[in-house]
């Protein structure tokens, strides 16, 4: 198959491109930086958010497109027909952040924040969880069924270590420079799951080319869960061993 990964150089994409190319698929990955191509894996330099660049690579038909890009709802609306018409299967990377809080285990049919929130001011925004849910709805209303929605949760790799909603650039780099980590007291007490990027990539790979996945939604995560406070302690233990001292943490109260 000939497969295009839009923005596929992150925690999931880097593994997925290797998995697909090693299976013998002609795999193409858009990247804003110059990268060296290898057998069955071709990097296309350019910004996939740029509509002109996107049109230039979608002038040929693809067997599958896996879209890791983050769009505003307005941006996605302008691109959806272009993307769906250029491929047999369009794999849209949504997020498990679309789900509302739940006392029971979350499944694909669990309520989404967009559908149950009564926060009028919040609903006026295009916040990440709302944007992803709205873009899911755009696909469902597109009149086409050659799409597959994937909802991963927190995904980590050797290049990506999240702390709540903070990327490593927002907390790890501060710790390495001797600065205080600023973290949310509310998030610190919440449960989460963490999934290794290669496990998510293997699951996405298994869905590509399978027609029974068209028009379906899948979330990919682990059944294991833990509190962010425990993950923070694990990070701090490792940093203390590396730095010779334990980084300081300040907890912000969202009501402050």
C-alpha atoms as a PDB file:
ATOM      1  CA  UNK A   1       0.000   0.000   0.000  1.00  0.00           C
ATOM      2  CA  UNK A   2       0.936   3.645  -0.449  1.00  0.00           C
ATOM      3  CA  UNK A   3       0.363   5.420   2.860  1.00  0.00           C
ATOM      4  CA  UNK A   4       0.706   9.090   3.793  1.00  0.00           C
ATOM      5  CA  UNK A   5       1.311  10.249   7.369  1.00  0.00           C
ATOM      6  CA  UNK A   6       0.566  13.924   7.898  1.00  0.00           C
ATOM      7  CA  UNK A   7       2.798  15.224  10.674  1.00  0.00           C
ATOM      8  CA  UNK A   8       3.876  11.697  11.545  1.00  0.00           C
ATOM      9  CA  UNK A   9       7.103  12.425  13.447  1.00  0.00           C
ATOM     10  CA  UNK A  10       5.786  12.498  17.032  1.00  0.00           C
ATOM     11  CA  UNK A  11       5.371   9.947  19.820  1.00  0.00           C
ATOM     12  CA  UNK A  12       3.089   7.728  17.723  1.00  0.00           C
ATOM     13  CA  UNK A  13       4.037   8.668  14.173  1.00  0.00           C
ATOM     14  CA  UNK A  14       7.727   7.865  14.450  1.00  0.00           C
ATOM     15  CA  UNK A  15       6.903   4.281  15.408  1.00  0.00           C
ATOM     16  CA  UNK A  16       4.022   3.939  12.960  1.00  0.00           C
ATOM     17  CA  UNK A  17       6.153   5.012   9.987  1.00  0.00           C
ATOM     18  CA  UNK A  18       8.753   2.367  10.860  1.00  0.00           C
ATOM     19  CA  UNK A  19       6.127  -0.352  11.367  1.00  0.00           C
ATOM     20  CA  UNK A  20       4.389   0.403   8.074  1.00  0.00           C
ATOM     21  CA  UNK A  21       7.582   0.674   6.033  1.00  0.00           C
ATOM     22  CA  UNK A  22       8.992  -2.533   7.528  1.00  0.00           C
ATOM     23  CA  UNK A  23       5.811  -4.310   6.388  1.00  0.00           C
ATOM     24  CA  UNK A  24       6.702  -3.306   2.821  1.00  0.00           C
ATOM     25  CA  UNK A  25       4.286  -0.384   2.504  1.00  0.00           C
ATOM     26  CA  UNK A  26       5.425   2.688   0.592  1.00  0.00           C
ATOM     27  CA  UNK A  27       5.262   5.114   3.496  1.00  0.00           C
ATOM     28  CA  UNK A  28       5.465   8.891   3.099  1.00  0.00           C
ATOM     29  CA  UNK A  29       5.722  11.285   6.057  1.00  0.00           C
ATOM     30  CA  UNK A  30       5.374  15.064   6.004  1.00  0.00           C
ATOM     31  CA  UNK A  31       7.878  16.920   8.158  1.00  0.00           C
ATOM     32  CA  UNK A  32       8.810  20.567   8.548  1.00  0.00           C
ATOM     33  CA  UNK A  33      12.494  19.670   9.005  1.00  0.00           C
ATOM     34  CA  UNK A  34      14.834  17.946   6.570  1.00  0.00           C
ATOM     35  CA  UNK A  35      15.077  14.199   7.236  1.00  0.00           C
ATOM     36  CA  UNK A  36      16.844  11.374   5.452  1.00  0.00           C
ATOM     37  CA  UNK A  37      14.619   8.904   3.634  1.00  0.00           C
ATOM     38  CA  UNK A  38      15.287   5.164   3.596  1.00  0.00           C
ATOM     39  CA  UNK A  39      13.845   2.021   2.053  1.00  0.00           C
ATOM     40  CA  UNK A  40      10.046   2.251   1.821  1.00  0.00           C
ATOM     41  CA  UNK A  41      10.082   5.435   3.947  1.00  0.00           C
ATOM     42  CA  UNK A  42      10.109   8.835   2.248  1.00  0.00           C
ATOM     43  CA  UNK A  43      10.050  12.152   4.090  1.00  0.00           C
ATOM     44  CA  UNK A  44       8.319  15.055   2.345  1.00  0.00           C
ATOM     45  CA  UNK A  45       9.525  18.399   3.665  1.00  0.00           C
ATOM     46  CA  UNK A  46       6.790  20.971   4.117  1.00  0.00           C
ATOM     47  CA  UNK A  47       4.094  22.281   6.428  1.00  0.00           C
ATOM     48  CA  UNK A  48       1.020  20.052   6.142  1.00  0.00           C
ATOM     49  CA  UNK A  49      -1.105  22.851   7.608  1.00  0.00           C
ATOM     50  CA  UNK A  50      -0.358  24.919   4.526  1.00  0.00           C
ATOM     51  CA  UNK A  51      -3.282  24.362   2.174  1.00  0.00           C
ATOM     52  CA  UNK A  52      -1.228  24.783  -0.998  1.00  0.00           C
ATOM     53  CA  UNK A  53       1.356  22.259   0.186  1.00  0.00           C
ATOM     54  CA  UNK A  54      -1.406  19.857   1.231  1.00  0.00           C
ATOM     55  CA  UNK A  55      -3.083  20.082  -2.169  1.00  0.00           C
ATOM     56  CA  UNK A  56       0.244  19.361  -3.877  1.00  0.00           C
ATOM     57  CA  UNK A  57       0.650  16.027  -2.080  1.00  0.00           C
ATOM     58  CA  UNK A  58      -3.006  15.052  -2.397  1.00  0.00           C
ATOM     59  CA  UNK A  59      -3.059  15.329  -6.189  1.00  0.00           C
ATOM     60  CA  UNK A  60      -2.400  11.571  -6.214  1.00  0.00           C
ATOM     61  CA  UNK A  61      -4.671   8.979  -4.617  1.00  0.00           C
ATOM     62  CA  UNK A  62      -3.418   7.291  -1.452  1.00  0.00           C
ATOM     63  CA  UNK A  63      -4.413   3.903  -0.084  1.00  0.00           C
ATOM     64  CA  UNK A  64      -4.487   5.424   3.409  1.00  0.00           C
ATOM     65  CA  UNK A  65      -3.856   8.784   5.037  1.00  0.00           C
ATOM     66  CA  UNK A  66      -3.111   8.979   8.763  1.00  0.00           C
ATOM     67  CA  UNK A  67      -3.585  12.520  10.026  1.00  0.00           C
ATOM     68  CA  UNK A  68      -1.657  13.587  13.145  1.00  0.00           C
ATOM     69  CA  UNK A  69      -2.151  17.304  12.515  1.00  0.00           C
ATOM     70  CA  UNK A  70      -3.902  19.559  15.038  1.00  0.00           C
ATOM     71  CA  UNK A  71      -6.444  21.823  13.330  1.00  0.00           C
ATOM     72  CA  UNK A  72      -8.897  24.440  14.414  1.00  0.00           C
ATOM     73  CA  UNK A  73     -12.442  23.415  13.528  1.00  0.00           C
ATOM     74  CA  UNK A  74     -12.519  26.036  10.758  1.00  0.00           C
ATOM     75  CA  UNK A  75      -9.248  24.726   9.284  1.00  0.00           C
ATOM     76  CA  UNK A  76     -10.510  21.154   9.315  1.00  0.00           C
ATOM     77  CA  UNK A  77     -13.793  22.117   7.657  1.00  0.00           C
ATOM     78  CA  UNK A  78     -11.827  23.583   4.726  1.00  0.00           C
ATOM     79  CA  UNK A  79      -9.745  20.417   4.335  1.00  0.00           C
ATOM     80  CA  UNK A  80     -12.092  17.521   5.054  1.00  0.00           C
ATOM     81  CA  UNK A  81     -13.369  16.959   1.517  1.00  0.00           C
ATOM     82  CA  UNK A  82      -9.875  17.259   0.091  1.00  0.00           C
ATOM     83  CA  UNK A  83      -8.603  14.624   2.529  1.00  0.00           C
ATOM     84  CA  UNK A  84     -11.489  12.174   2.145  1.00  0.00           C
ATOM     85  CA  UNK A  85     -11.432  12.386  -1.643  1.00  0.00           C
ATOM     86  CA  UNK A  86      -7.698  11.660  -1.839  1.00  0.00           C
ATOM     87  CA  UNK A  87      -7.690   8.264  -0.141  1.00  0.00           C
ATOM     88  CA  UNK A  88      -9.390   4.907   0.314  1.00  0.00           C
ATOM     89  CA  UNK A  89      -9.121   5.311   4.112  1.00  0.00           C
ATOM     90  CA  UNK A  90      -8.653   8.478   6.140  1.00  0.00           C
ATOM     91  CA  UNK A  91      -7.473   7.840   9.717  1.00  0.00           C
ATOM     92  CA  UNK A  92      -8.234  10.837  11.927  1.00  0.00           C
ATOM     93  CA  UNK A  93      -6.308  11.195  15.186  1.00  0.00           C
ATOM     94  CA  UNK A  94      -8.780  12.522  17.705  1.00  0.00           C
ATOM     95  CA  UNK A  95      -8.172  12.225  21.458  1.00  0.00           C
ATOM     96  CA  UNK A  96      -9.618  10.571  24.546  1.00  0.00           C
ATOM     97  CA  UNK A  97      -9.789  14.102  25.922  1.00  0.00           C
ATOM     98  CA  UNK A  98     -13.118  14.421  24.083  1.00  0.00           C
ATOM     99  CA  UNK A  99     -14.747  12.300  26.832  1.00  0.00           C
ATOM    100  CA  UNK A 100     -16.578  13.842  29.763  1.00  0.00           C
ATOM    101  CA  UNK A 101     -15.697  12.800  33.327  1.00  0.00           C
ATOM    102  CA  UNK A 102     -17.020   9.358  34.140  1.00  0.00           C
ATOM    103  CA  UNK A 103     -17.339   7.275  37.300  1.00  0.00           C
ATOM    104  CA  UNK A 104     -17.304   4.088  35.217  1.00  0.00           C
ATOM    105  CA  UNK A 105     -14.701   2.845  32.708  1.00  0.00           C
ATOM    106  CA  UNK A 106     -14.777   4.885  29.517  1.00  0.00           C
ATOM    107  CA  UNK A 107     -15.782   3.180  26.270  1.00  0.00           C
ATOM    108  CA  UNK A 108     -16.138   4.604  22.770  1.00  0.00           C
ATOM    109  CA  UNK A 109     -19.825   5.378  23.354  1.00  0.00           C
ATOM    110  CA  UNK A 110     -19.195   7.274  26.616  1.00  0.00           C
ATOM    111  CA  UNK A 111     -20.491  10.871  26.648  1.00  0.00           C
ATOM    112  CA  UNK A 112     -18.277  13.566  25.187  1.00  0.00           C
ATOM    113  CA  UNK A 113     -17.706  16.957  26.817  1.00  0.00           C
ATOM    114  CA  UNK A 114     -19.137  18.659  23.736  1.00  0.00           C
ATOM    115  CA  UNK A 115     -22.434  16.822  24.175  1.00  0.00           C
ATOM    116  CA  UNK A 116     -22.948  17.150  27.942  1.00  0.00           C
ATOM    117  CA  UNK A 117     -21.217  20.338  29.094  1.00  0.00           C
ATOM    118  CA  UNK A 118     -23.450  23.165  30.325  1.00  0.00           C
ATOM    119  CA  UNK A 119     -20.567  25.651  30.490  1.00  0.00           C
ATOM    120  CA  UNK A 120     -21.708  28.238  27.945  1.00  0.00           C
ATOM    121  CA  UNK A 121     -18.424  30.153  27.926  1.00  0.00           C
ATOM    122  CA  UNK A 122     -16.427  26.931  27.500  1.00  0.00           C
ATOM    123  CA  UNK A 123     -18.622  25.812  24.613  1.00  0.00           C
ATOM    124  CA  UNK A 124     -17.992  29.112  22.842  1.00  0.00           C
ATOM    125  CA  UNK A 125     -14.301  28.220  22.569  1.00  0.00           C
ATOM    126  CA  UNK A 126     -12.488  25.866  20.228  1.00  0.00           C
ATOM    127  CA  UNK A 127     -10.540  24.265  23.069  1.00  0.00           C
ATOM    128  CA  UNK A 128      -8.699  21.072  22.093  1.00  0.00           C
ATOM    129  CA  UNK A 129     -11.277  18.578  23.405  1.00  0.00           C
ATOM    130  CA  UNK A 130     -14.129  20.513  21.798  1.00  0.00           C
ATOM    131  CA  UNK A 131     -12.294  20.971  18.494  1.00  0.00           C
ATOM    132  CA  UNK A 132     -11.555  17.258  18.202  1.00  0.00           C
ATOM    133  CA  UNK A 133     -15.174  16.345  18.966  1.00  0.00           C
ATOM    134  CA  UNK A 134     -16.480  18.870  16.438  1.00  0.00           C
ATOM    135  CA  UNK A 135     -14.104  17.520  13.811  1.00  0.00           C
ATOM    136  CA  UNK A 136     -15.346  13.994  14.519  1.00  0.00           C
ATOM    137  CA  UNK A 137     -18.857  15.303  13.848  1.00  0.00           C
ATOM    138  CA  UNK A 138     -17.729  16.902  10.592  1.00  0.00           C
ATOM    139  CA  UNK A 139     -16.499  13.492   9.419  1.00  0.00           C
ATOM    140  CA  UNK A 140     -19.781  11.837  10.412  1.00  0.00           C
ATOM    141  CA  UNK A 141     -21.763  14.463   8.495  1.00  0.00           C
ATOM    142  CA  UNK A 142     -19.467  14.386   5.453  1.00  0.00           C
ATOM    143  CA  UNK A 143     -21.631  11.945   3.501  1.00  0.00           C
ATOM    144  CA  UNK A 144     -18.633   9.621   3.186  1.00  0.00           C
ATOM    145  CA  UNK A 145     -17.735   6.541   5.185  1.00  0.00           C
ATOM    146  CA  UNK A 146     -14.050   6.024   4.319  1.00  0.00           C
ATOM    147  CA  UNK A 147     -12.851   7.423   7.649  1.00  0.00           C
ATOM    148  CA  UNK A 148     -11.669   5.837  10.890  1.00  0.00           C
ATOM    149  CA  UNK A 149     -11.458   7.823  14.133  1.00  0.00           C
ATOM    150  CA  UNK A 150      -8.723   6.992  16.641  1.00  0.00           C
ATOM    151  CA  UNK A 151      -8.839   8.330  20.210  1.00  0.00           C
ATOM    152  CA  UNK A 152      -5.506   7.742  21.962  1.00  0.00           C
ATOM    153  CA  UNK A 153      -4.964   9.052  25.474  1.00  0.00           C
ATOM    154  CA  UNK A 154      -1.676  10.176  27.025  1.00  0.00           C
ATOM    155  CA  UNK A 155       1.036   8.678  24.825  1.00  0.00           C
ATOM    156  CA  UNK A 156       4.699   8.762  25.747  1.00  0.00           C
ATOM    157  CA  UNK A 157       7.992   7.952  24.062  1.00  0.00           C
ATOM    158  CA  UNK A 158      11.679   8.657  24.602  1.00  0.00           C
ATOM    159  CA  UNK A 159      10.995  12.087  23.069  1.00  0.00           C
ATOM    160  CA  UNK A 160       7.693  12.878  24.791  1.00  0.00           C
ATOM    161  CA  UNK A 161       7.074  12.835  28.540  1.00  0.00           C
ATOM    162  CA  UNK A 162       3.867  14.555  29.621  1.00  0.00           C
ATOM    163  CA  UNK A 163       2.898  15.756  33.065  1.00  0.00           C
ATOM    164  CA  UNK A 164      -0.837  16.334  32.956  1.00  0.00           C
ATOM    165  CA  UNK A 165      -1.414  18.736  30.067  1.00  0.00           C
ATOM    166  CA  UNK A 166       2.211  19.910  30.224  1.00  0.00           C
ATOM    167  CA  UNK A 167       4.668  18.771  27.568  1.00  0.00           C
ATOM    168  CA  UNK A 168       8.278  18.136  28.615  1.00  0.00           C
ATOM    169  CA  UNK A 169       9.261  21.599  27.395  1.00  0.00           C
ATOM    170  CA  UNK A 170       6.917  23.058  30.034  1.00  0.00           C
ATOM    171  CA  UNK A 171       8.098  21.051  33.044  1.00  0.00           C
ATOM    172  CA  UNK A 172      11.144  18.840  32.415  1.00  0.00           C
ATOM    173  CA  UNK A 173      13.300  21.592  30.950  1.00  0.00           C
ATOM    174  CA  UNK A 174      12.497  23.774  33.955  1.00  0.00           C
ATOM    175  CA  UNK A 175      13.601  21.029  36.332  1.00  0.00           C
ATOM    176  CA  UNK A 176      16.835  20.427  34.416  1.00  0.00           C
ATOM    177  CA  UNK A 177      17.621  24.154  34.676  1.00  0.00           C
ATOM    178  CA  UNK A 178      17.065  24.186  38.426  1.00  0.00           C
ATOM    179  CA  UNK A 179      13.695  25.923  38.203  1.00  0.00           C
ATOM    180  CA  UNK A 180      10.517  25.007  40.067  1.00  0.00           C
ATOM    181  CA  UNK A 181       7.931  22.767  38.372  1.00  0.00           C
ATOM    182  CA  UNK A 182       4.485  24.402  38.422  1.00  0.00           C
ATOM    183  CA  UNK A 183       1.736  21.773  38.370  1.00  0.00           C
ATOM    184  CA  UNK A 184      -2.036  21.719  38.848  1.00  0.00           C
ATOM    185  CA  UNK A 185      -3.213  20.582  42.278  1.00  0.00           C
ATOM    186  CA  UNK A 186      -6.479  19.432  40.688  1.00  0.00           C
ATOM    187  CA  UNK A 187      -4.798  17.283  38.006  1.00  0.00           C
ATOM    188  CA  UNK A 188      -2.335  15.893  40.570  1.00  0.00           C
ATOM    189  CA  UNK A 189      -5.136  13.947  42.273  1.00  0.00           C
ATOM    190  CA  UNK A 190      -6.728  12.642  39.047  1.00  0.00           C
ATOM    191  CA  UNK A 191      -6.386   9.175  37.546  1.00  0.00           C
ATOM    192  CA  UNK A 192      -4.799   8.747  34.128  1.00  0.00           C
ATOM    193  CA  UNK A 193      -3.420   6.133  31.774  1.00  0.00           C
ATOM    194  CA  UNK A 194      -0.107   6.277  29.952  1.00  0.00           C
ATOM    195  CA  UNK A 195       0.432   4.296  26.751  1.00  0.00           C
ATOM    196  CA  UNK A 196       3.770   3.726  25.046  1.00  0.00           C
ATOM    197  CA  UNK A 197       3.842   5.174  21.535  1.00  0.00           C
ATOM    198  CA  UNK A 198       4.854   1.933  19.855  1.00  0.00           C
ATOM    199  CA  UNK A 199       1.818   0.123  21.320  1.00  0.00           C
ATOM    200  CA  UNK A 200      -0.523   2.770  19.919  1.00  0.00           C
ATOM    201  CA  UNK A 201       1.288   2.622  16.578  1.00  0.00           C
ATOM    202  CA  UNK A 202       0.898  -1.161  16.375  1.00  0.00           C
ATOM    203  CA  UNK A 203      -2.837  -0.803  16.969  1.00  0.00           C
ATOM    204  CA  UNK A 204      -3.229   1.902  14.327  1.00  0.00           C
ATOM    205  CA  UNK A 205      -1.242  -0.210  11.877  1.00  0.00           C
ATOM    206  CA  UNK A 206      -3.644  -3.122  12.444  1.00  0.00           C
ATOM    207  CA  UNK A 207      -6.627  -0.912  11.518  1.00  0.00           C
ATOM    208  CA  UNK A 208      -5.188   0.402   8.255  1.00  0.00           C
ATOM    209  CA  UNK A 209      -6.625  -1.248   5.163  1.00  0.00           C
ATOM    210  CA  UNK A 210      -9.401  -3.009   7.063  1.00  0.00           C
ATOM    211  CA  UNK A 211     -12.753  -1.972   5.553  1.00  0.00           C
ATOM    212  CA  UNK A 212     -14.694  -3.060   8.633  1.00  0.00           C
ATOM    213  CA  UNK A 213     -13.043  -0.165  10.500  1.00  0.00           C
ATOM    214  CA  UNK A 214     -14.525   2.420   8.110  1.00  0.00           C
ATOM    215  CA  UNK A 215     -16.996   4.716   9.817  1.00  0.00           C
ATOM    216  CA  UNK A 216     -15.927   3.434  13.241  1.00  0.00           C
ATOM    217  CA  UNK A 217     -14.305   4.983  16.314  1.00  0.00           C
ATOM    218  CA  UNK A 218     -11.629   3.294  18.422  1.00  0.00           C
ATOM    219  CA  UNK A 219      -9.849   4.472  21.521  1.00  0.00           C
ATOM    220  CA  UNK A 220      -6.432   3.008  22.112  1.00  0.00           C
ATOM    221  CA  UNK A 221      -5.174   2.973  25.667  1.00  0.00           C
ATOM    222  CA  UNK A 222      -4.225   0.635  28.471  1.00  0.00           C
ATOM    223  CA  UNK A 223      -6.489  -0.736  31.201  1.00  0.00           C
ATOM    224  CA  UNK A 224      -3.863   0.226  33.793  1.00  0.00           C
ATOM    225  CA  UNK A 225      -4.407   3.541  35.548  1.00  0.00           C
ATOM    226  CA  UNK A 226      -2.616   5.586  38.163  1.00  0.00           C
ATOM    227  CA  UNK A 227      -2.761   9.006  39.792  1.00  0.00           C
ATOM    228  CA  UNK A 228      -0.735  11.864  38.346  1.00  0.00           C
ATOM    229  CA  UNK A 229       0.734  12.314  41.835  1.00  0.00           C
ATOM    230  CA  UNK A 230       2.344   8.875  41.532  1.00  0.00           C
ATOM    231  CA  UNK A 231       3.690   9.665  38.067  1.00  0.00           C
ATOM    232  CA  UNK A 232       5.068  12.979  39.333  1.00  0.00           C
ATOM    233  CA  UNK A 233       6.822  11.179  42.213  1.00  0.00           C
ATOM    234  CA  UNK A 234       8.328   8.731  39.706  1.00  0.00           C
ATOM    235  CA  UNK A 235       9.633  11.605  37.564  1.00  0.00           C
ATOM    236  CA  UNK A 236      11.032  13.351  40.656  1.00  0.00           C
ATOM    237  CA  UNK A 237      12.790  10.171  41.861  1.00  0.00           C
ATOM    238  CA  UNK A 238      14.499   9.769  38.479  1.00  0.00           C
ATOM    239  CA  UNK A 239      15.460  13.448  38.310  1.00  0.00           C
ATOM    240  CA  UNK A 240      16.821  13.362  41.856  1.00  0.00           C
ATOM    241  CA  UNK A 241      18.991  10.401  40.931  1.00  0.00           C
ATOM    242  CA  UNK A 242      20.211  12.242  37.818  1.00  0.00           C
ATOM    243  CA  UNK A 243      20.658  15.751  39.275  1.00  0.00           C
ATOM    244  CA  UNK A 244      21.704  14.923  42.819  1.00  0.00           C
ATOM    245  CA  UNK A 245      18.798  16.904  44.267  1.00  0.00           C
ATOM    246  CA  UNK A 246      15.023  16.746  44.138  1.00  0.00           C
ATOM    247  CA  UNK A 247      13.384  19.438  41.971  1.00  0.00           C
ATOM    248  CA  UNK A 248      10.903  21.712  43.721  1.00  0.00           C
ATOM    249  CA  UNK A 249       7.205  21.594  42.825  1.00  0.00           C
ATOM    250  CA  UNK A 250       4.562  24.259  43.362  1.00  0.00           C
ATOM    251  CA  UNK A 251       0.926  23.202  43.085  1.00  0.00           C
ATOM    252  CA  UNK A 252      -1.473  25.696  41.545  1.00  0.00           C
ATOM    253  CA  UNK A 253      -5.100  25.731  42.598  1.00  0.00           C
ATOM    254  CA  UNK A 254      -7.321  26.349  39.559  1.00  0.00           C
ATOM    255  CA  UNK A 255      -9.440  28.694  41.685  1.00  0.00           C
ATOM    256  CA  UNK A 256      -6.454  30.887  42.576  1.00  0.00           C
END
